[in-house]
Every structure is written in C-alpha cells, then in structure tokens.
Amino acid sequence: MGKLGEGLSRYQKLGFCSFHTPGHKGREEFFDGLDFRSFDLTELPGLDMLHSPSGIIAEAQKRSAEVFGAEETFFLINGGTVGNQAMFLSLEETSDKRVVVERSSHRSVMSALVLSGRKPHYVIPTVHPEFNLPLGLDVGKQRIPWPEISACHVTYPSYYGTGFELNQLLDERKRMGCNTPILVDQAHGSHYLGPLFPPSALELGADLVLHSSHKTLSALTQSAMLHVQGDRISRTRLRQSLEILQSSSPSYLLLASLERAGEFALNFGRWASLREEVETLHRKVGRNFRILSQKDAGSYDIHTVDWSKILINTLPLGVPASRCVEYLRESYGIEPELWDEENILFMLGIGNMPEDVRRLTKGLESLAESASGFPRLPGFVELKKRVQYDGNVIPPLPNLILSPREAFFAHKRQISLKESLGHVVGETISPYPPGIPVIVMGELMTPEVLGTLLTAGEGRWQGWDGFRNQTIWVVDQE
C-alpha cells in the first residue's frame, strides 16, 4: 500500500466521530448490496449513458426529480462545482452579460464567470458581527437591475445553514415583469425536504437548483444533482454544458449512490431523532458558548436557520477555536467540519446518530469546564472590535475594469503589494472567514483594500499566491 492508502487507513483507525462531510458518515447501511469492486464499470450495453440517458440512468434521474420536486434532474459526477459552472454556460446569449452574484459565493461561481465570460453584478451579504460571518442577505437593499441582467445567482442556504428571504427575490422578479432565470446554489441544503427544514428553492420556484448530495445526504463524495423546472433555461444548452464539463467516463458507483441518496432522503425519522438531541445540546451548553440558533432568525437579514448546522463561537469562552478543536479531537474524538479563529462548525448528515450528538454535547460541556485552565492568547478577545465600513465589515467594492475571464487570460506580472494601488489585480483574494473576496481578478486596487491586505495577519487566505512575500499578481497593461 502506498503513502496515500496508508494515510487513509491510519485516519480511519483513529475512529473519529464525524461532524463533517460526507453525510453518510461511513455507515454501511447506505451501501448494502453495492459491490464497490465489480460495480466500478463504464458505459456498457444495458448500463445506459450519462450524457444521453435512455435506460437505467434516465429512470434513476426521473425518480430523483420526483423526490426533490423538479421537472428534470441531472446527476453530476464532478461535484457541485460543475453544477454552478453549467448554470452560467447554459444561459442564453444576451446583449448584457451581467449576472447577479453574491460576493460571498463559492469559488466555483467565480470560476463560472471565467468560463462563461459573464460579468458580475455583486450583491453584498450581511455579516453577523458576533460571528464575523456572512449569514444574511437583505434582498430589498440590493436594488437588482432586473431588465439589465441575464440571470440572478444566489446561495441558499449559506455554508452555515442560514437562509435569506428567497421568496422575496422571486416575488420581486414577478413584480418587475421579468423573465430572468433565478439560479440557486443549494449545495448545503440538499436535505431540505419535509417539515423539519426550511422550504427548498425548488418549492419556492427557482429555475435551476444545485444540490451537493454528498454533503448532508448519503451520496458518495464528488456526487451532486442539478435540478431544473420551467422554461427559462434551455434544457438542450444545459445538457451540452454538462457534457463539456463532466467526465466522459462517469463513475457508476457515484451514480448508484445518487440514486440511493434520493430514496434515503425521504427517511425523515432519522432527522427527527437528531433534532431532539440538538435541542438538548443548545439547552446544556448555550450558556457557555454563542451558538447560532432559531432565535437568530429575523436578525441581521437571516430569515431561516438550519438546526442541523451547529455553529459555535468561542469568544465568550475566551479560548481560540483552534485550541477548542484540539481539545475535542484529543479528548472526545470529535472531528468538526471547519473552524477559524473564533468559530467552529459541526455539520450533521443523514448518517449521524443521536449518540453522536450526545457525544458532542458531553465534549462541549467538558470543554467549558476545562477552558479556565487553558493558556490565554493575547489579543484574542479583541476580535470583537471589527473594522466597520458604513455599518458593515465589508470594504467598498473596487471598480471592475476587466471581466474575470479577461483578467484570467491577460498577461500578468507579480509586483510588491505596496506598489499595487491603481493596478488591475490579477488574482481573487479572500480572507477566510468570512470568505468574501476583498478583491476579485479584474478589479482596481483601492486604498481600502490595500490597507486591509497590508495589515493582514496570518489567518487563512484563499487565492493570494504571494502572501508570504507580500507580492500580488496584477494585469500587465503596458
């Protein structure tokens, strides 16, 4: 066995309790009857074809469309990324290539702008000051230029389980008398079925909806679904886009797991038992941590909160999130989805069991009791002092000089960050959290953005190639 296989084997033997993707959590019941060796097949007689289905794949996709309430469903075997990209490629050619995009969209949306040549018209999410994360969106404040855009792409719910008033966006489109497609990245809400969860984007009336079925449902990693309804999107163009983006040798294991994920998604009893334990967790440890909860709906432009995402802020404890994660991993074998300086996200999936949540509750109770003995980190509690720009923590948006596609293919050079003011930036740079780009390739460097980057600490930066030596890629305009 090679190094990669050995590493996977070592990790599996550690026996961590999963609060991260994938949603099946490694439970065998979701894969009973699937022979992983003999089912690793290609497109053979009787096994249908993903890009031109007429047999068993077509039947499986039709059944999934029925389960999730779509007119047609496409199985994706290159992850949710190709779903976002296909959305943009499937848009009809118009005189105005602008597309409404949330500034905090997943990186696959930014890559979709490069592939399609569309120009973004950004809408700005609302950052919750207690978590320093983009958790809300005020649709009424955005002033979307409906007659001038070719589509509107939004994220619902956020990574952290918060949802904005999507129905308000759909109502506004109707009121304006526009036929603009509304595209929804519902990657983290593929489990939105039944009364335990907020309404799905399909139920509310969106045109194209992406589900990353592996995140919270039982599908294998890298498998997703793209759902479509109505006539605002050309089905032919959508199929052609997916054929361009997806492998010509699809994994039948991924396809079979998607078929099963739809059936298991209807098992609402599994989620009901988890919800009871999550409510107990909130009661027992809510005094020691700031936990995102249903009480947050209605504030900071948050309309709904998904209880299956447990977001905990550790500032009240006075201990950095990384130290808390270290304690939970070492003492209780708990593996979170992600963490930053002050937040930890624990993500439930359909494969979690009530005893998993009880284990997390016990671990958090123990953490709260032990925290007083942890060494204090100078300056940690000062994180509460956020830099504000007009009531928000997001600096004013820089001017867009080139489209992301134009900037991507332009000749670029690397210069000192200190000398970048007034240059067109050639890379997209995002602090994480909150994951909102401070600058997107093709935008002009501003004093506000430069000041943010020059004072940047270690943190986690996405897309900044020259962070260590304080350089930045700019478009060579000479």
Protein backbone atom coordinates (compact mmCIF):
# COMPACT_ATOMS: atom_id res chain seq x y z
CA MET A 1 0.00 0.00 0.00
CA GLY A 2 1.31 3.47 -0.90
CA LYS A 3 1.54 6.55 1.28
CA LEU A 4 -1.93 7.80 0.39
CA GLY A 5 -3.57 4.48 1.19
CA GLU A 6 -1.61 4.18 4.41
CA GLY A 7 -2.69 7.67 5.44
CA LEU A 8 -6.35 6.86 4.83
CA SER A 9 -6.03 3.62 6.78
CA ARG A 10 -4.36 5.36 9.73
CA TYR A 11 -7.04 8.03 9.86
CA GLN A 12 -9.87 5.50 9.69
CA LYS A 13 -8.43 3.57 12.63
CA LEU A 14 -8.49 6.69 14.81
CA GLY A 15 -12.26 6.32 14.98
CA PHE A 16 -13.28 9.99 14.95
CA CYS A 17 -16.93 10.92 15.31
CA SER A 18 -17.79 12.79 12.12
CA PHE A 19 -19.40 16.22 12.11
CA HIS A 20 -18.15 16.93 8.61
CA THR A 21 -18.92 15.86 5.07
CA PRO A 22 -19.81 13.39 3.64
CA GLY A 23 -23.29 12.99 5.06
CA HIS A 24 -23.29 9.19 5.03
CA LYS A 25 -20.63 9.23 7.80
CA GLY A 26 -19.26 5.92 6.57
CA ARG A 27 -22.31 3.88 7.58
CA GLU A 28 -22.63 0.60 5.68
CA GLU A 29 -26.43 0.61 5.56
CA PHE A 30 -26.38 3.21 2.77
CA PHE A 31 -24.28 0.94 0.57
CA ASP A 32 -25.69 -2.53 1.26
CA GLY A 33 -25.63 -4.53 -1.95
CA LEU A 34 -23.18 -2.21 -3.73
CA ASP A 35 -20.11 -4.23 -4.70
CA PHE A 36 -17.51 -1.50 -4.96
CA ARG A 37 -15.09 -3.60 -6.99
CA SER A 38 -17.40 -5.22 -9.51
CA PHE A 39 -19.68 -2.16 -9.84
CA ASP A 40 -16.77 0.07 -10.87
CA LEU A 41 -17.86 -0.09 -14.50
CA THR A 42 -18.07 2.11 -17.56
CA GLU A 43 -20.79 2.68 -20.15
CA LEU A 44 -21.53 -0.88 -21.34
CA PRO A 45 -24.53 -2.44 -23.11
CA GLY A 46 -27.53 -2.27 -20.79
CA LEU A 47 -25.89 0.29 -18.44
CA ASP A 48 -27.07 3.41 -20.27
CA MET A 49 -25.03 6.60 -20.94
CA LEU A 50 -24.84 9.60 -18.60
CA HIS A 51 -24.72 12.23 -21.36
CA SER A 52 -27.50 10.63 -23.42
CA PRO A 53 -29.55 8.57 -20.96
CA SER A 54 -32.48 6.46 -22.10
CA GLY A 55 -32.36 3.47 -19.75
CA ILE A 56 -31.46 2.88 -16.11
CA ILE A 57 -29.74 6.25 -15.62
CA ALA A 58 -32.71 8.08 -17.14
CA GLU A 59 -35.05 6.17 -14.81
CA ALA A 60 -32.91 6.98 -11.76
CA GLN A 61 -32.78 10.68 -12.62
CA LYS A 62 -36.54 10.75 -13.19
CA ARG A 63 -37.16 9.23 -9.77
CA SER A 64 -34.84 11.77 -8.12
CA ALA A 65 -36.73 14.59 -9.82
CA GLU A 66 -39.92 13.24 -8.27
CA VAL A 67 -38.33 13.03 -4.83
CA PHE A 68 -36.95 16.59 -4.84
CA GLY A 69 -39.81 18.25 -6.73
CA ALA A 70 -38.09 19.08 -10.02
CA GLU A 71 -39.26 18.70 -13.60
CA GLU A 72 -35.91 17.20 -14.56
CA THR A 73 -32.80 16.17 -12.63
CA PHE A 74 -29.25 15.69 -13.85
CA PHE A 75 -26.74 13.54 -11.95
CA LEU A 76 -23.33 15.17 -11.51
CA ILE A 77 -20.16 13.13 -11.02
CA ASN A 78 -17.70 16.06 -10.96
CA GLY A 79 -19.14 17.60 -7.81
CA GLY A 80 -21.36 20.61 -7.28
CA THR A 81 -18.67 22.73 -8.95
CA VAL A 82 -19.78 21.69 -12.44
CA GLY A 83 -23.37 22.41 -11.46
CA ASN A 84 -22.59 26.07 -10.79
CA GLN A 85 -20.47 26.27 -13.92
CA ALA A 86 -23.14 24.64 -16.10
CA MET A 87 -25.72 27.13 -14.82
CA PHE A 88 -23.74 30.00 -16.33
CA LEU A 89 -22.84 28.21 -19.57
CA SER A 90 -26.49 27.33 -20.15
CA LEU A 91 -27.64 30.96 -20.16
CA GLU A 92 -28.88 32.37 -23.44
CA GLU A 93 -26.65 34.94 -25.17
CA THR A 94 -27.88 38.47 -24.45
CA SER A 95 -26.61 41.97 -25.16
CA ASP A 96 -25.85 42.43 -21.45
CA LYS A 97 -23.69 39.65 -19.99
CA ARG A 98 -24.06 40.77 -16.40
CA VAL A 99 -25.18 38.23 -13.84
CA VAL A 100 -26.18 38.97 -10.26
CA VAL A 101 -23.79 37.12 -7.95
CA GLU A 102 -23.36 37.16 -4.19
CA ARG A 103 -19.97 38.49 -3.21
CA SER A 104 -19.60 35.53 -0.82
CA SER A 105 -20.39 32.87 -3.44
CA HIS A 106 -18.46 29.62 -3.60
CA ARG A 107 -15.25 29.73 -5.64
CA SER A 108 -16.92 27.58 -8.32
CA VAL A 109 -19.18 30.55 -9.08
CA MET A 110 -16.13 32.73 -9.63
CA SER A 111 -14.73 30.08 -11.98
CA ALA A 112 -18.08 30.03 -13.78
CA LEU A 113 -17.60 33.74 -14.51
CA VAL A 114 -14.24 32.93 -16.09
CA LEU A 115 -15.59 30.05 -18.18
CA SER A 116 -18.72 31.85 -19.37
CA GLY A 117 -17.34 35.36 -19.79
CA ARG A 118 -20.21 36.79 -17.75
CA LYS A 119 -19.67 40.00 -15.80
CA PRO A 120 -20.74 40.03 -12.13
CA HIS A 121 -23.17 42.47 -10.59
CA TYR A 122 -22.45 41.81 -6.94
CA VAL A 123 -24.95 41.77 -4.12
CA ILE A 124 -23.48 42.15 -0.66
CA PRO A 125 -24.33 39.75 2.18
CA THR A 126 -24.82 40.93 5.72
CA VAL A 127 -22.01 39.96 8.09
CA HIS A 128 -23.18 38.95 11.56
CA PRO A 129 -20.99 40.95 13.99
CA GLU A 130 -20.94 38.25 16.67
CA PHE A 131 -19.67 35.55 14.30
CA ASN A 132 -17.91 37.75 11.71
CA LEU A 133 -19.51 35.59 9.01
CA PRO A 134 -21.80 36.41 6.04
CA LEU A 135 -25.04 34.89 7.32
CA GLY A 136 -27.75 37.14 5.88
CA LEU A 137 -28.83 38.97 2.74
CA ASP A 138 -31.18 41.96 2.51
CA VAL A 139 -32.88 41.50 -0.86
CA GLY A 140 -34.70 44.82 -0.67
CA LYS A 141 -31.49 46.78 -0.17
CA GLN A 142 -29.68 45.32 -3.19
CA ARG A 143 -31.50 47.22 -5.99
CA ILE A 144 -31.14 44.48 -8.57
CA PRO A 145 -31.30 45.88 -12.14
CA TRP A 146 -33.69 43.18 -13.39
CA PRO A 147 -34.13 44.41 -17.00
CA GLU A 148 -30.35 44.67 -17.44
CA ILE A 149 -29.18 41.25 -16.22
CA SER A 150 -29.18 37.81 -17.85
CA ALA A 151 -29.58 35.83 -14.60
CA CYS A 152 -29.55 36.06 -10.81
CA HIS A 153 -27.41 33.55 -8.91
CA VAL A 154 -27.75 33.24 -5.13
CA THR A 155 -26.68 30.87 -2.36
CA TYR A 156 -29.42 29.32 -0.22
CA PRO A 157 -28.65 28.29 2.45
CA SER A 158 -25.22 29.57 3.40
CA TYR A 159 -22.44 27.19 4.38
CA TYR A 160 -23.52 27.77 7.98
CA GLY A 161 -27.18 26.93 7.43
CA THR A 162 -28.71 30.41 7.33
CA GLY A 163 -31.19 31.37 4.64
CA PHE A 164 -32.41 34.72 3.34
CA GLU A 165 -35.90 35.53 2.05
CA LEU A 166 -35.62 33.77 -1.30
CA ASN A 167 -39.36 34.04 -1.82
CA GLN A 168 -38.98 37.83 -1.67
CA LEU A 169 -36.46 37.67 -4.53
CA LEU A 170 -38.84 35.54 -6.61
CA ASP A 171 -41.74 37.88 -5.84
CA GLU A 172 -39.67 40.89 -6.90
CA ARG A 173 -38.90 39.26 -10.25
CA LYS A 174 -42.61 38.70 -10.82
CA ARG A 175 -43.50 42.23 -9.78
CA MET A 176 -40.92 43.64 -12.22
CA GLY A 177 -42.44 41.55 -15.03
CA CYS A 178 -39.07 39.99 -15.89
CA ASN A 179 -38.32 36.51 -17.17
CA THR A 180 -34.81 36.47 -15.67
CA PRO A 181 -33.68 32.98 -14.55
CA ILE A 182 -33.00 32.60 -10.84
CA LEU A 183 -30.22 30.12 -10.17
CA VAL A 184 -29.72 28.75 -6.68
CA ASP A 185 -26.68 27.09 -5.15
CA GLN A 186 -28.42 24.92 -2.56
CA ALA A 187 -25.31 22.79 -2.07
CA HIS A 188 -25.65 22.74 1.70
CA GLY A 189 -29.41 22.20 1.70
CA SER A 190 -29.93 19.04 -0.33
CA HIS A 191 -31.73 17.63 2.73
CA TYR A 192 -34.42 20.34 2.65
CA LEU A 193 -37.40 18.02 2.43
CA GLY A 194 -40.36 17.67 4.78
CA PRO A 195 -41.45 19.82 7.73
CA LEU A 196 -38.21 19.68 9.74
CA PHE A 197 -36.33 22.02 7.41
CA PRO A 198 -36.87 25.30 5.56
CA PRO A 199 -38.55 25.14 2.15
CA SER A 200 -36.33 24.14 -0.76
CA ALA A 201 -35.51 26.55 -3.58
CA LEU A 202 -37.44 24.30 -5.97
CA GLU A 203 -40.52 24.51 -3.79
CA LEU A 204 -40.25 28.31 -3.78
CA GLY A 205 -39.97 28.46 -7.58
CA ALA A 206 -36.29 28.77 -8.58
CA ASP A 207 -35.36 27.75 -12.14
CA LEU A 208 -32.09 25.87 -11.57
CA VAL A 209 -31.10 24.40 -8.21
CA LEU A 210 -27.86 22.69 -7.28
CA HIS A 211 -27.64 20.01 -4.58
CA SER A 212 -24.28 18.75 -3.32
CA SER A 213 -25.86 15.45 -2.37
CA HIS A 214 -22.74 14.15 -0.65
CA LYS A 215 -22.59 16.93 1.93
CA THR A 216 -25.61 16.03 4.06
CA LEU A 217 -27.25 13.10 2.26
CA SER A 218 -25.82 9.62 1.69
CA ALA A 219 -24.23 10.01 -1.76
CA LEU A 220 -20.52 9.41 -2.22
CA THR A 221 -18.12 12.35 -2.23
CA GLN A 222 -17.99 14.23 -5.55
CA SER A 223 -21.58 13.42 -6.48
CA ALA A 224 -24.31 16.03 -6.82
CA MET A 225 -27.58 16.83 -8.59
CA LEU A 226 -28.74 19.72 -10.74
CA HIS A 227 -32.50 20.25 -10.81
CA VAL A 228 -34.43 22.30 -13.38
CA GLN A 229 -38.00 23.46 -13.79
CA GLY A 230 -39.82 25.88 -16.06
CA ASP A 231 -38.81 27.15 -19.49
CA ARG A 232 -36.40 29.97 -18.63
CA ILE A 233 -33.41 27.64 -19.10
CA SER A 234 -32.76 25.77 -22.34
CA ARG A 235 -32.57 22.07 -21.47
CA THR A 236 -30.56 21.42 -24.64
CA ARG A 237 -27.99 24.05 -23.75
CA LEU A 238 -27.84 22.72 -20.20
CA ARG A 239 -27.16 19.17 -21.42
CA GLN A 240 -24.47 20.44 -23.76
CA SER A 241 -22.84 22.39 -20.94
CA LEU A 242 -22.74 19.35 -18.68
CA GLU A 243 -21.26 17.24 -21.46
CA ILE A 244 -18.45 19.78 -21.84
CA LEU A 245 -17.75 19.95 -18.11
CA GLN A 246 -18.17 16.36 -16.96
CA SER A 247 -16.06 13.28 -17.48
CA SER A 248 -16.82 11.06 -20.47
CA SER A 249 -16.06 8.10 -18.17
CA PRO A 250 -18.58 8.57 -15.34
CA SER A 251 -18.29 6.55 -12.15
CA TYR A 252 -21.24 4.20 -11.82
CA LEU A 253 -20.56 3.96 -8.11
CA LEU A 254 -21.23 7.69 -7.80
CA LEU A 255 -24.34 7.39 -9.96
CA ALA A 256 -25.70 4.47 -7.93
CA SER A 257 -25.06 6.35 -4.68
CA LEU A 258 -27.01 9.34 -6.02
CA GLU A 259 -29.97 7.12 -6.84
CA ARG A 260 -29.96 5.74 -3.30
CA ALA A 261 -29.45 9.17 -1.73
CA GLY A 262 -32.80 10.27 -3.09
CA GLU A 263 -34.59 7.34 -1.51
CA PHE A 264 -32.87 7.69 1.86
CA ALA A 265 -33.65 11.43 1.84
CA LEU A 266 -37.30 10.54 2.47
CA ASN A 267 -36.43 8.88 5.78
CA PHE A 268 -37.49 11.86 7.91
CA GLY A 269 -37.38 9.84 11.13
CA ARG A 270 -33.57 9.86 11.15
CA TRP A 271 -33.55 13.66 11.18
CA ALA A 272 -36.30 13.90 13.82
CA SER A 273 -34.26 11.93 16.35
CA LEU A 274 -31.23 14.14 15.68
CA ARG A 275 -33.21 17.33 16.16
CA GLU A 276 -34.25 16.31 19.66
CA GLU A 277 -30.63 15.84 20.66
CA VAL A 278 -29.59 19.15 19.08
CA GLU A 279 -32.22 20.96 21.13
CA THR A 280 -30.79 19.31 24.25
CA LEU A 281 -27.29 20.42 23.24
CA HIS A 282 -28.45 24.03 22.96
CA ARG A 283 -30.01 23.90 26.42
CA LYS A 284 -26.97 22.36 28.09
CA VAL A 285 -24.10 24.34 26.58
CA GLY A 286 -25.75 27.52 25.32
CA ARG A 287 -24.73 29.39 28.47
CA ASN A 288 -21.04 28.94 27.77
CA PHE A 289 -20.87 29.49 24.01
CA ARG A 290 -22.56 31.76 21.49
CA ILE A 291 -24.47 29.25 19.36
CA LEU A 292 -26.35 30.18 16.22
CA SER A 293 -29.98 29.18 16.82
CA GLN A 294 -33.55 29.66 15.68
CA LYS A 295 -33.61 32.80 17.82
CA ASP A 296 -31.28 34.43 15.29
CA ALA A 297 -33.90 34.26 12.55
CA GLY A 298 -35.14 37.79 11.99
CA SER A 299 -31.85 39.49 12.80
CA TYR A 300 -29.01 40.58 10.52
CA ASP A 301 -31.11 39.68 7.47
CA ILE A 302 -31.33 35.99 8.44
CA HIS A 303 -34.70 34.51 7.56
CA THR A 304 -34.21 30.82 8.42
CA VAL A 305 -31.70 28.78 10.43
CA ASP A 306 -30.99 25.11 9.74
CA TRP A 307 -30.69 23.39 13.13
CA SER A 308 -28.54 20.59 11.64
CA LYS A 309 -25.62 23.04 11.30
CA ILE A 310 -24.22 23.69 14.78
CA LEU A 311 -22.18 26.91 14.63
CA ILE A 312 -20.38 27.80 17.84
CA ASN A 313 -18.45 30.98 18.60
CA THR A 314 -15.78 30.57 21.29
CA LEU A 315 -15.18 34.24 22.15
CA PRO A 316 -17.40 34.04 25.28
CA LEU A 317 -15.14 31.25 26.47
CA GLY A 318 -12.04 33.35 25.85
CA VAL A 319 -10.33 30.48 24.00
CA PRO A 320 -9.40 30.39 20.28
CA ALA A 321 -11.43 27.94 18.24
CA SER A 322 -8.30 26.03 17.18
CA ARG A 323 -7.48 25.23 20.81
CA CYS A 324 -11.06 24.10 21.41
CA VAL A 325 -10.92 21.85 18.36
CA GLU A 326 -7.66 20.35 19.58
CA TYR A 327 -9.28 19.54 22.93
CA LEU A 328 -12.39 17.99 21.33
CA ARG A 329 -10.34 15.87 18.92
CA GLU A 330 -7.89 14.61 21.52
CA SER A 331 -10.30 14.09 24.42
CA TYR A 332 -13.53 13.08 22.67
CA GLY A 333 -12.56 12.05 19.15
CA ILE A 334 -14.81 14.72 17.64
CA GLU A 335 -14.00 15.95 14.11
CA PRO A 336 -15.69 19.24 13.09
CA GLU A 337 -16.40 20.42 9.56
CA LEU A 338 -14.29 23.57 9.86
CA TRP A 339 -13.04 26.23 12.22
CA ASP A 340 -11.45 29.66 12.10
CA GLU A 341 -10.09 31.93 14.80
CA GLU A 342 -13.33 32.07 16.75
CA ASN A 343 -15.95 29.76 15.18
CA ILE A 344 -16.42 26.00 14.90
CA LEU A 345 -18.96 24.40 12.57
CA PHE A 346 -20.32 20.94 13.35
CA MET A 347 -22.31 19.58 10.40
CA LEU A 348 -24.85 16.82 10.80
CA GLY A 349 -25.64 14.42 7.99
CA ILE A 350 -28.22 11.74 7.43
CA GLY A 351 -25.69 9.19 8.69
CA ASN A 352 -25.28 10.75 12.14
CA MET A 353 -26.89 9.01 15.10
CA PRO A 354 -28.36 10.53 18.30
CA GLU A 355 -25.41 9.20 20.30
CA ASP A 356 -23.09 11.28 18.10
CA VAL A 357 -24.83 14.48 19.19
CA ARG A 358 -24.79 13.33 22.83
CA ARG A 359 -21.04 12.79 22.48
CA LEU A 360 -20.65 16.32 21.14
CA THR A 361 -22.76 17.72 23.98
CA LYS A 362 -20.58 15.97 26.54
CA GLY A 363 -17.43 17.18 24.84
CA LEU A 364 -18.62 20.80 24.81
CA GLU A 365 -19.66 20.61 28.46
CA SER A 366 -16.21 19.30 29.37
CA LEU A 367 -14.56 21.96 27.22
CA ALA A 368 -16.42 24.72 29.06
CA GLU A 369 -15.34 23.30 32.41
CA SER A 370 -11.71 22.94 31.37
CA ALA A 371 -11.32 26.22 29.49
CA SER A 372 -10.25 28.22 32.53
CA GLY A 373 -7.04 26.18 32.64
CA PHE A 374 -6.11 26.91 29.01
CA PRO A 375 -3.38 29.49 28.41
CA ARG A 376 -4.79 32.86 27.33
CA LEU A 377 -3.92 34.08 23.85
CA PRO A 378 -3.03 37.79 23.88
CA GLY A 379 -5.41 39.85 21.78
CA PHE A 380 -7.92 37.05 21.19
CA VAL A 381 -10.83 38.75 22.95
CA GLU A 382 -10.04 41.92 20.98
CA LEU A 383 -11.52 40.21 17.91
CA LYS A 384 -14.82 41.75 18.92
CA LYS A 385 -13.53 45.10 17.67
CA ARG A 386 -14.34 44.77 13.98
CA VAL A 387 -13.42 47.31 11.33
CA GLN A 388 -16.67 48.79 10.05
CA TYR A 389 -17.45 50.25 6.62
CA ASP A 390 -20.80 52.02 6.56
CA GLY A 391 -22.22 49.64 9.15
CA ASN A 392 -20.69 46.52 7.64
CA VAL A 393 -17.32 44.77 7.79
CA ILE A 394 -17.00 44.59 4.00
CA PRO A 395 -14.97 47.41 2.39
CA PRO A 396 -16.47 49.31 -0.57
CA LEU A 397 -16.35 47.26 -3.77
CA PRO A 398 -13.49 48.15 -6.14
CA ASN A 399 -14.27 49.21 -9.72
CA LEU A 400 -14.49 46.36 -12.25
CA ILE A 401 -12.12 47.17 -15.13
CA LEU A 402 -11.93 43.73 -16.78
CA SER A 403 -14.29 40.78 -16.56
CA PRO A 404 -12.91 37.83 -14.55
CA ARG A 405 -12.42 35.98 -17.86
CA GLU A 406 -10.50 38.85 -19.42
CA ALA A 407 -8.32 39.17 -16.33
CA PHE A 408 -7.70 35.42 -16.16
CA PHE A 409 -6.32 35.25 -19.69
CA ALA A 410 -4.49 38.60 -19.58
CA HIS A 411 -0.71 38.78 -19.30
CA LYS A 412 0.18 39.30 -15.66
CA ARG A 413 3.21 40.14 -13.56
CA GLN A 414 3.95 39.94 -9.85
CA ILE A 415 4.76 43.18 -8.03
CA SER A 416 5.21 44.35 -4.45
CA LEU A 417 1.88 44.71 -2.67
CA LYS A 418 2.87 48.21 -1.55
CA GLU A 419 3.09 49.30 -5.19
CA SER A 420 -0.24 47.83 -6.31
CA LEU A 421 -2.53 50.84 -5.75
CA GLY A 422 -4.27 51.72 -9.00
CA HIS A 423 -3.33 48.44 -10.71
CA VAL A 424 -5.84 45.92 -12.08
CA VAL A 425 -5.49 42.88 -9.85
CA GLY A 426 -4.90 39.51 -11.49
CA GLU A 427 -5.99 37.18 -8.67
CA THR A 428 -9.01 36.80 -6.42
CA ILE A 429 -8.14 37.20 -2.73
CA SER A 430 -10.48 36.18 0.08
CA PRO A 431 -9.93 36.15 3.85
CA TYR A 432 -11.45 33.08 5.40
CA PRO A 433 -13.65 33.68 7.25
CA PRO A 434 -15.84 35.28 6.16
CA GLY A 435 -14.87 34.04 2.68
CA ILE A 436 -15.90 37.22 0.88
CA PRO A 437 -13.31 38.36 -1.68
CA VAL A 438 -11.75 41.69 -0.77
CA ILE A 439 -10.66 41.90 -4.40
CA VAL A 440 -11.64 39.88 -7.49
CA MET A 441 -9.41 39.50 -10.54
CA GLY A 442 -10.17 42.31 -12.96
CA GLU A 443 -10.86 44.87 -10.23
CA LEU A 444 -8.83 48.00 -9.48
CA MET A 445 -6.83 48.04 -6.25
CA THR A 446 -8.25 50.64 -3.85
CA PRO A 447 -6.79 52.30 -0.71
CA GLU A 448 -9.30 50.40 1.46
CA VAL A 449 -8.39 47.00 0.03
CA LEU A 450 -4.68 47.77 0.07
CA GLY A 451 -4.90 48.82 3.71
CA THR A 452 -6.67 45.55 4.54
CA LEU A 453 -4.03 43.44 2.79
CA LEU A 454 -1.04 45.36 4.19
CA THR A 455 -2.26 44.81 7.75
CA ALA A 456 -3.30 41.21 7.16
CA GLY A 457 -2.23 38.73 9.78
CA GLU A 458 -1.51 35.06 9.25
CA GLY A 459 -5.15 33.98 9.14
CA ARG A 460 -6.40 31.90 6.23
CA TRP A 461 -6.22 33.46 2.80
CA GLN A 462 -7.68 31.95 -0.36
CA GLY A 463 -6.19 32.78 -3.74
CA TRP A 464 -3.33 35.02 -2.56
CA ASP A 465 -0.28 33.49 -4.19
CA GLY A 466 2.23 35.98 -2.76
CA PHE A 467 1.02 36.33 0.83
CA ARG A 468 4.31 35.20 2.36
CA ASN A 469 6.49 37.67 0.49
CA GLN A 470 3.82 40.41 0.26
CA THR A 471 3.51 40.41 -3.53
CA ILE A 472 0.45 40.37 -5.75
CA TRP A 473 -0.36 39.48 -9.36
CA VAL A 474 -1.55 42.40 -11.47
CA VAL A 475 -2.59 42.68 -15.11
CA ASP A 476 0.26 43.97 -17.24
CA GLN A 477 -1.27 46.99 -19.00
CA GLU A 478 1.93 48.27 -20.60
